[in-house]
Amino acid sequence: LLFPVVTMTMHLAYGVGTLAGLLSWQRLAR
């Protein structure tokens, strides 16, 4: 029952982190 909630948390969080990283691409690259 909790599996869909946990996987959605994982996937949304990872995706949000990735998009935030893309916005900081130049700073992260330096």
All heavy atoms as atom14 arrays in JSON, in Angstrom:
{
  "sequence": "LLFPVVTMTMHLAYGVGTLAGLLSWQRLAR",
  "atom14_mask": [
    [1, 1, 1, 1, 1, 1, 1, 1, 0, 0, 0, 0, 0, 0],
    [1, 1, 1, 1, 1, 1, 1, 1, 0, 0, 0, 0, 0, 0],
    [1, 1, 1, 1, 1, 1, 1, 1, 1, 1, 1, 0, 0, 0],
    [1, 1, 1, 1, 1, 1, 1, 0, 0, 0, 0, 0, 0, 0],
    [1, 1, 1, 1, 1, 1, 1, 0, 0, 0, 0, 0, 0, 0],
    [1, 1, 1, 1, 1, 1, 1, 0, 0, 0, 0, 0, 0, 0],
    [1, 1, 1, 1, 1, 1, 1, 0, 0, 0, 0, 0, 0, 0],
    [1, 1, 1, 1, 1, 1, 1, 1, 0, 0, 0, 0, 0, 0],
    [1, 1, 1, 1, 1, 1, 1, 0, 0, 0, 0, 0, 0, 0],
    [1, 1, 1, 1, 1, 1, 1, 1, 0, 0, 0, 0, 0, 0],
    [1, 1, 1, 1, 1, 1, 1, 1, 1, 1, 0, 0, 0, 0],
    [1, 1, 1, 1, 1, 1, 1, 1, 0, 0, 0, 0, 0, 0],
    [1, 1, 1, 1, 1, 0, 0, 0, 0, 0, 0, 0, 0, 0],
    [1, 1, 1, 1, 1, 1, 1, 1, 1, 1, 1, 1, 0, 0],
    [1, 1, 1, 1, 0, 0, 0, 0, 0, 0, 0, 0, 0, 0],
    [1, 1, 1, 1, 1, 1, 1, 0, 0, 0, 0, 0, 0, 0],
    [1, 1, 1, 1, 0, 0, 0, 0, 0, 0, 0, 0, 0, 0],
    [1, 1, 1, 1, 1, 1, 1, 0, 0, 0, 0, 0, 0, 0],
    [1, 1, 1, 1, 1, 1, 1, 1, 0, 0, 0, 0, 0, 0],
    [1, 1, 1, 1, 1, 0, 0, 0, 0, 0, 0, 0, 0, 0],
    [1, 1, 1, 1, 0, 0, 0, 0, 0, 0, 0, 0, 0, 0],
    [1, 1, 1, 1, 1, 1, 1, 1, 0, 0, 0, 0, 0, 0],
    [1, 1, 1, 1, 1, 1, 1, 1, 0, 0, 0, 0, 0, 0],
    [1, 1, 1, 1, 1, 1, 0, 0, 0, 0, 0, 0, 0, 0],
    [1, 1, 1, 1, 1, 1, 1, 1, 1, 1, 1, 1, 1, 1],
    [1, 1, 1, 1, 1, 1, 1, 1, 1, 0, 0, 0, 0, 0],
    [1, 1, 1, 1, 1, 1, 1, 1, 1, 1, 1, 0, 0, 0],
    [1, 1, 1, 1, 1, 1, 1, 1, 0, 0, 0, 0, 0, 0],
    [1, 1, 1, 1, 1, 0, 0, 0, 0, 0, 0, 0, 0, 0],
    [1, 1, 1, 1, 1, 1, 1, 1, 1, 1, 1, 0, 0, 0]
  ],
  "atom14_positions": [
    [[0.82, -1.2, 0.0], [0.0, 0.0, 0.0], [0.86, 1.26, 0.0], [0.51, 2.27, -0.63], [-0.93, 0.0, 1.22], [-1.99, -1.1, 1.26], [-2.76, -1.06, 2.56], [-2.95, -0.97, 0.08], [0.0, 0.0, 0.0], [0.0, 0.0, 0.0], [0.0, 0.0, 0.0], [0.0, 0.0, 0.0], [0.0, 0.0, 0.0], [0.0, 0.0, 0.0]],
    [[1.98, 1.21, 0.7], [2.85, 2.37, 0.79], [3.82, 2.48, -0.4], [4.4, 3.54, -0.62], [3.66, 2.32, 2.09], [2.88, 2.67, 3.36], [3.71, 2.36, 4.6], [2.45, 4.13, 3.36], [0.0, 0.0, 0.0], [0.0, 0.0, 0.0], [0.0, 0.0, 0.0], [0.0, 0.0, 0.0], [0.0, 0.0, 0.0], [0.0, 0.0, 0.0]],
    [[3.97, 1.39, -1.12], [4.93, 1.36, -2.23], [4.68, 2.5, -3.23], [5.63, 3.22, -3.59], [4.86, 0.0, -2.92], [5.87, -0.21, -4.01], [7.11, -0.79, -3.73], [5.59, 0.15, -5.33], [8.04, -1.0, -4.75], [6.51, -0.05, -6.34], [7.74, -0.63, -6.05], [0.0, 0.0, 0.0], [0.0, 0.0, 0.0], [0.0, 0.0, 0.0]],
    [[3.45, 2.73, -3.72], [3.25, 3.84, -4.67], [3.57, 5.2, -4.08], [4.09, 6.08, -4.78], [1.76, 3.72, -5.04], [1.39, 2.31, -4.73], [2.21, 1.94, -3.54], [0.0, 0.0, 0.0], [0.0, 0.0, 0.0], [0.0, 0.0, 0.0], [0.0, 0.0, 0.0], [0.0, 0.0, 0.0], [0.0, 0.0, 0.0], [0.0, 0.0, 0.0]],
    [[3.27, 5.38, -2.8], [3.55, 6.67, -2.15], [5.06, 6.9, -2.06], [5.56, 8.0, -2.34], [2.92, 6.71, -0.74], [3.25, 8.02, -0.04], [1.41, 6.5, -0.83], [0.0, 0.0, 0.0], [0.0, 0.0, 0.0], [0.0, 0.0, 0.0], [0.0, 0.0, 0.0], [0.0, 0.0, 0.0], [0.0, 0.0, 0.0], [0.0, 0.0, 0.0]],
    [[5.78, 5.84, -1.69], [7.23, 5.97, -1.55], [7.9, 6.17, -2.9], [8.77, 7.03, -3.06], [7.8, 4.72, -0.83], [9.32, 4.67, -0.94], [7.39, 4.74, 0.64], [0.0, 0.0, 0.0], [0.0, 0.0, 0.0], [0.0, 0.0, 0.0], [0.0, 0.0, 0.0], [0.0, 0.0, 0.0], [0.0, 0.0, 0.0], [0.0, 0.0, 0.0]],
    [[7.48, 5.4, -3.92], [8.12, 5.56, -5.23], [7.81, 6.93, -5.82], [8.67, 7.55, -6.45], [7.69, 4.46, -6.21], [6.27, 4.44, -6.34], [8.19, 3.1, -5.75], [0.0, 0.0, 0.0], [0.0, 0.0, 0.0], [0.0, 0.0, 0.0], [0.0, 0.0, 0.0], [0.0, 0.0, 0.0], [0.0, 0.0, 0.0], [0.0, 0.0, 0.0]],
    [[6.6, 7.43, -5.62], [6.28, 8.76, -6.14], [7.14, 9.8, -5.42], [7.62, 10.76, -6.05], [4.81, 9.08, -5.98], [4.45, 10.47, -6.49], [2.69, 10.75, -6.71], [2.42, 9.98, -8.32], [0.0, 0.0, 0.0], [0.0, 0.0, 0.0], [0.0, 0.0, 0.0], [0.0, 0.0, 0.0], [0.0, 0.0, 0.0], [0.0, 0.0, 0.0]],
    [[7.34, 9.64, -4.11], [8.21, 10.57, -3.37], [9.62, 10.53, -3.93], [10.24, 11.58, -4.17], [8.22, 10.2, -1.87], [6.89, 10.26, -1.36], [9.11, 11.16, -1.09], [0.0, 0.0, 0.0], [0.0, 0.0, 0.0], [0.0, 0.0, 0.0], [0.0, 0.0, 0.0], [0.0, 0.0, 0.0], [0.0, 0.0, 0.0], [0.0, 0.0, 0.0]],
    [[10.15, 9.33, -4.15], [11.49, 9.18, -4.73], [11.59, 9.85, -6.09], [12.51, 10.65, -6.35], [11.84, 7.69, -4.88], [11.99, 6.92, -3.6], [11.96, 5.12, -3.89], [13.39, 4.9, -4.95], [0.0, 0.0, 0.0], [0.0, 0.0, 0.0], [0.0, 0.0, 0.0], [0.0, 0.0, 0.0], [0.0, 0.0, 0.0], [0.0, 0.0, 0.0]],
    [[10.65, 9.54, -6.96], [10.73, 10.01, -8.35], [10.52, 11.51, -8.45], [11.23, 12.2, -9.2], [9.72, 9.25, -9.2], [9.99, 7.79, -9.29], [9.03, 6.87, -9.63], [11.13, 7.08, -9.06], [9.56, 5.65, -9.62], [10.83, 5.75, -9.28], [0.0, 0.0, 0.0], [0.0, 0.0, 0.0], [0.0, 0.0, 0.0], [0.0, 0.0, 0.0]],
    [[9.53, 12.04, -7.7], [9.31, 13.48, -7.73], [10.52, 14.23, -7.15], [10.97, 15.24, -7.71], [8.05, 13.84, -6.94], [6.71, 13.47, -7.58], [5.57, 13.82, -6.64], [6.53, 14.19, -8.91], [0.0, 0.0, 0.0], [0.0, 0.0, 0.0], [0.0, 0.0, 0.0], [0.0, 0.0, 0.0], [0.0, 0.0, 0.0], [0.0, 0.0, 0.0]],
    [[11.04, 13.74, -6.03], [12.18, 14.4, -5.4], [13.4, 14.38, -6.31], [14.08, 15.41, -6.49], [12.5, 13.73, -4.07], [0.0, 0.0, 0.0], [0.0, 0.0, 0.0], [0.0, 0.0, 0.0], [0.0, 0.0, 0.0], [0.0, 0.0, 0.0], [0.0, 0.0, 0.0], [0.0, 0.0, 0.0], [0.0, 0.0, 0.0], [0.0, 0.0, 0.0]],
    [[13.68, 13.23, -6.9], [14.83, 13.13, -7.81], [14.65, 14.07, -9.0], [15.58, 14.78, -9.41], [14.98, 11.68, -8.29], [16.34, 11.34, -8.86], [17.21, 10.51, -8.18], [16.76, 11.85, -10.08], [18.46, 10.19, -8.71], [17.99, 11.54, -10.62], [18.84, 10.7, -9.93], [20.07, 10.4, -10.45], [0.0, 0.0, 0.0], [0.0, 0.0, 0.0]],
    [[13.44, 14.09, -9.55], [13.18, 14.95, -10.69], [13.29, 16.42, -10.35], [13.88, 17.21, -11.11], [0.0, 0.0, 0.0], [0.0, 0.0, 0.0], [0.0, 0.0, 0.0], [0.0, 0.0, 0.0], [0.0, 0.0, 0.0], [0.0, 0.0, 0.0], [0.0, 0.0, 0.0], [0.0, 0.0, 0.0], [0.0, 0.0, 0.0], [0.0, 0.0, 0.0]],
    [[12.74, 16.82, -9.2], [12.86, 18.21, -8.76], [14.32, 18.57, -8.55], [14.78, 19.65, -8.94], [12.03, 18.43, -7.48], [12.38, 19.78, -6.83], [10.54, 18.37, -7.79], [0.0, 0.0, 0.0], [0.0, 0.0, 0.0], [0.0, 0.0, 0.0], [0.0, 0.0, 0.0], [0.0, 0.0, 0.0], [0.0, 0.0, 0.0], [0.0, 0.0, 0.0]],
    [[15.07, 17.67, -7.93], [16.5, 17.92, -7.73], [17.25, 18.07, -9.04], [18.11, 18.95, -9.19], [0.0, 0.0, 0.0], [0.0, 0.0, 0.0], [0.0, 0.0, 0.0], [0.0, 0.0, 0.0], [0.0, 0.0, 0.0], [0.0, 0.0, 0.0], [0.0, 0.0, 0.0], [0.0, 0.0, 0.0], [0.0, 0.0, 0.0], [0.0, 0.0, 0.0]],
    [[16.91, 17.22, -10.01], [17.56, 17.31, -11.32], [17.26, 18.64, -12.0], [18.16, 19.31, -12.54], [17.09, 16.15, -12.23], [17.44, 14.91, -11.62], [17.73, 16.24, -13.6], [0.0, 0.0, 0.0], [0.0, 0.0, 0.0], [0.0, 0.0, 0.0], [0.0, 0.0, 0.0], [0.0, 0.0, 0.0], [0.0, 0.0, 0.0], [0.0, 0.0, 0.0]],
    [[16.0, 19.06, -11.98], [15.62, 20.33, -12.61], [16.29, 21.51, -11.9], [16.75, 22.46, -12.56], [14.11, 20.48, -12.61], [13.35, 19.45, -13.47], [11.85, 19.57, -13.26], [13.71, 19.61, -14.94], [0.0, 0.0, 0.0], [0.0, 0.0, 0.0], [0.0, 0.0, 0.0], [0.0, 0.0, 0.0], [0.0, 0.0, 0.0], [0.0, 0.0, 0.0]],
    [[16.38, 21.44, -10.58], [17.09, 22.49, -9.84], [18.56, 22.51, -10.22], [19.17, 23.58, -10.36], [16.92, 22.29, -8.33], [0.0, 0.0, 0.0], [0.0, 0.0, 0.0], [0.0, 0.0, 0.0], [0.0, 0.0, 0.0], [0.0, 0.0, 0.0], [0.0, 0.0, 0.0], [0.0, 0.0, 0.0], [0.0, 0.0, 0.0], [0.0, 0.0, 0.0]],
    [[19.14, 21.33, -10.39], [20.54, 21.26, -10.81], [20.76, 21.83, -12.2], [21.75, 22.52, -12.45], [0.0, 0.0, 0.0], [0.0, 0.0, 0.0], [0.0, 0.0, 0.0], [0.0, 0.0, 0.0], [0.0, 0.0, 0.0], [0.0, 0.0, 0.0], [0.0, 0.0, 0.0], [0.0, 0.0, 0.0], [0.0, 0.0, 0.0], [0.0, 0.0, 0.0]],
    [[19.83, 21.56, -13.1], [19.95, 22.11, -14.46], [19.93, 23.64, -14.44], [20.63, 24.28, -15.22], [18.83, 21.56, -15.34], [18.93, 20.08, -15.7], [17.66, 19.62, -16.42], [20.17, 19.8, -16.55], [0.0, 0.0, 0.0], [0.0, 0.0, 0.0], [0.0, 0.0, 0.0], [0.0, 0.0, 0.0], [0.0, 0.0, 0.0], [0.0, 0.0, 0.0]],
    [[19.13, 24.2, -13.55], [19.09, 25.66, -13.43], [20.4, 26.21, -12.87], [20.71, 27.39, -13.07], [17.92, 26.08, -12.53], [16.52, 25.81, -13.1], [15.46, 26.16, -12.06], [16.3, 26.59, -14.39], [0.0, 0.0, 0.0], [0.0, 0.0, 0.0], [0.0, 0.0, 0.0], [0.0, 0.0, 0.0], [0.0, 0.0, 0.0], [0.0, 0.0, 0.0]],
    [[21.15, 25.37, -12.17], [22.44, 25.79, -11.58], [23.62, 25.2, -12.36], [24.71, 25.08, -11.81], [22.51, 25.33, -10.12], [21.43, 25.82, -9.37], [0.0, 0.0, 0.0], [0.0, 0.0, 0.0], [0.0, 0.0, 0.0], [0.0, 0.0, 0.0], [0.0, 0.0, 0.0], [0.0, 0.0, 0.0], [0.0, 0.0, 0.0], [0.0, 0.0, 0.0]],
    [[23.41, 24.84, -13.61], [24.4, 24.1, -14.39], [25.77, 24.79, -14.38], [26.79, 24.16, -14.11], [23.91, 23.92, -15.82], [24.86, 23.18, -16.72], [25.95, 23.69, -17.37], [24.83, 21.79, -17.03], [26.59, 22.72, -18.09], [25.93, 21.53, -17.9], [23.99, 20.74, -16.69], [26.19, 20.26, -18.41], [24.26, 19.48, -17.2], [25.34, 19.24, -18.05]],
    [[25.82, 26.06, -14.7], [27.1, 26.74, -14.83], [27.85, 26.79, -13.5], [29.06, 26.55, -13.45], [26.9, 28.15, -15.38], [26.46, 28.19, -16.84], [26.38, 29.59, -17.39], [26.21, 30.56, -16.65], [26.52, 29.72, -18.71], [0.0, 0.0, 0.0], [0.0, 0.0, 0.0], [0.0, 0.0, 0.0], [0.0, 0.0, 0.0], [0.0, 0.0, 0.0]],
    [[27.13, 27.07, -12.42], [27.78, 27.1, -11.11], [28.3, 25.73, -10.72], [29.42, 25.59, -10.22], [26.8, 27.61, -10.05], [27.41, 27.73, -8.65], [26.43, 28.34, -7.68], [25.25, 27.5, -7.5], [25.22, 26.43, -6.71], [26.32, 26.04, -6.04], [24.12, 25.72, -6.58], [0.0, 0.0, 0.0], [0.0, 0.0, 0.0], [0.0, 0.0, 0.0]],
    [[27.49, 24.7, -10.94], [27.93, 23.34, -10.63], [29.12, 22.92, -11.48], [30.04, 22.25, -10.99], [26.78, 22.36, -10.84], [25.62, 22.45, -9.84], [24.49, 21.53, -10.26], [26.09, 22.1, -8.43], [0.0, 0.0, 0.0], [0.0, 0.0, 0.0], [0.0, 0.0, 0.0], [0.0, 0.0, 0.0], [0.0, 0.0, 0.0], [0.0, 0.0, 0.0]],
    [[29.12, 23.33, -12.76], [30.23, 22.97, -13.65], [31.53, 23.61, -13.18], [32.59, 22.96, -13.17], [29.91, 23.41, -15.08], [0.0, 0.0, 0.0], [0.0, 0.0, 0.0], [0.0, 0.0, 0.0], [0.0, 0.0, 0.0], [0.0, 0.0, 0.0], [0.0, 0.0, 0.0], [0.0, 0.0, 0.0], [0.0, 0.0, 0.0], [0.0, 0.0, 0.0]],
    [[31.47, 24.87, -12.78], [32.69, 25.54, -12.29], [33.21, 24.85, -11.04], [34.41, 24.61, -10.9], [32.4, 27.02, -12.02], [32.21, 27.86, -13.28], [32.25, 29.34, -12.95], [31.16, 29.73, -12.07], [29.97, 30.17, -12.48], [29.71, 30.26, -13.77], [29.02, 30.52, -11.61], [0.0, 0.0, 0.0], [0.0, 0.0, 0.0], [0.0, 0.0, 0.0]]
  ]
}
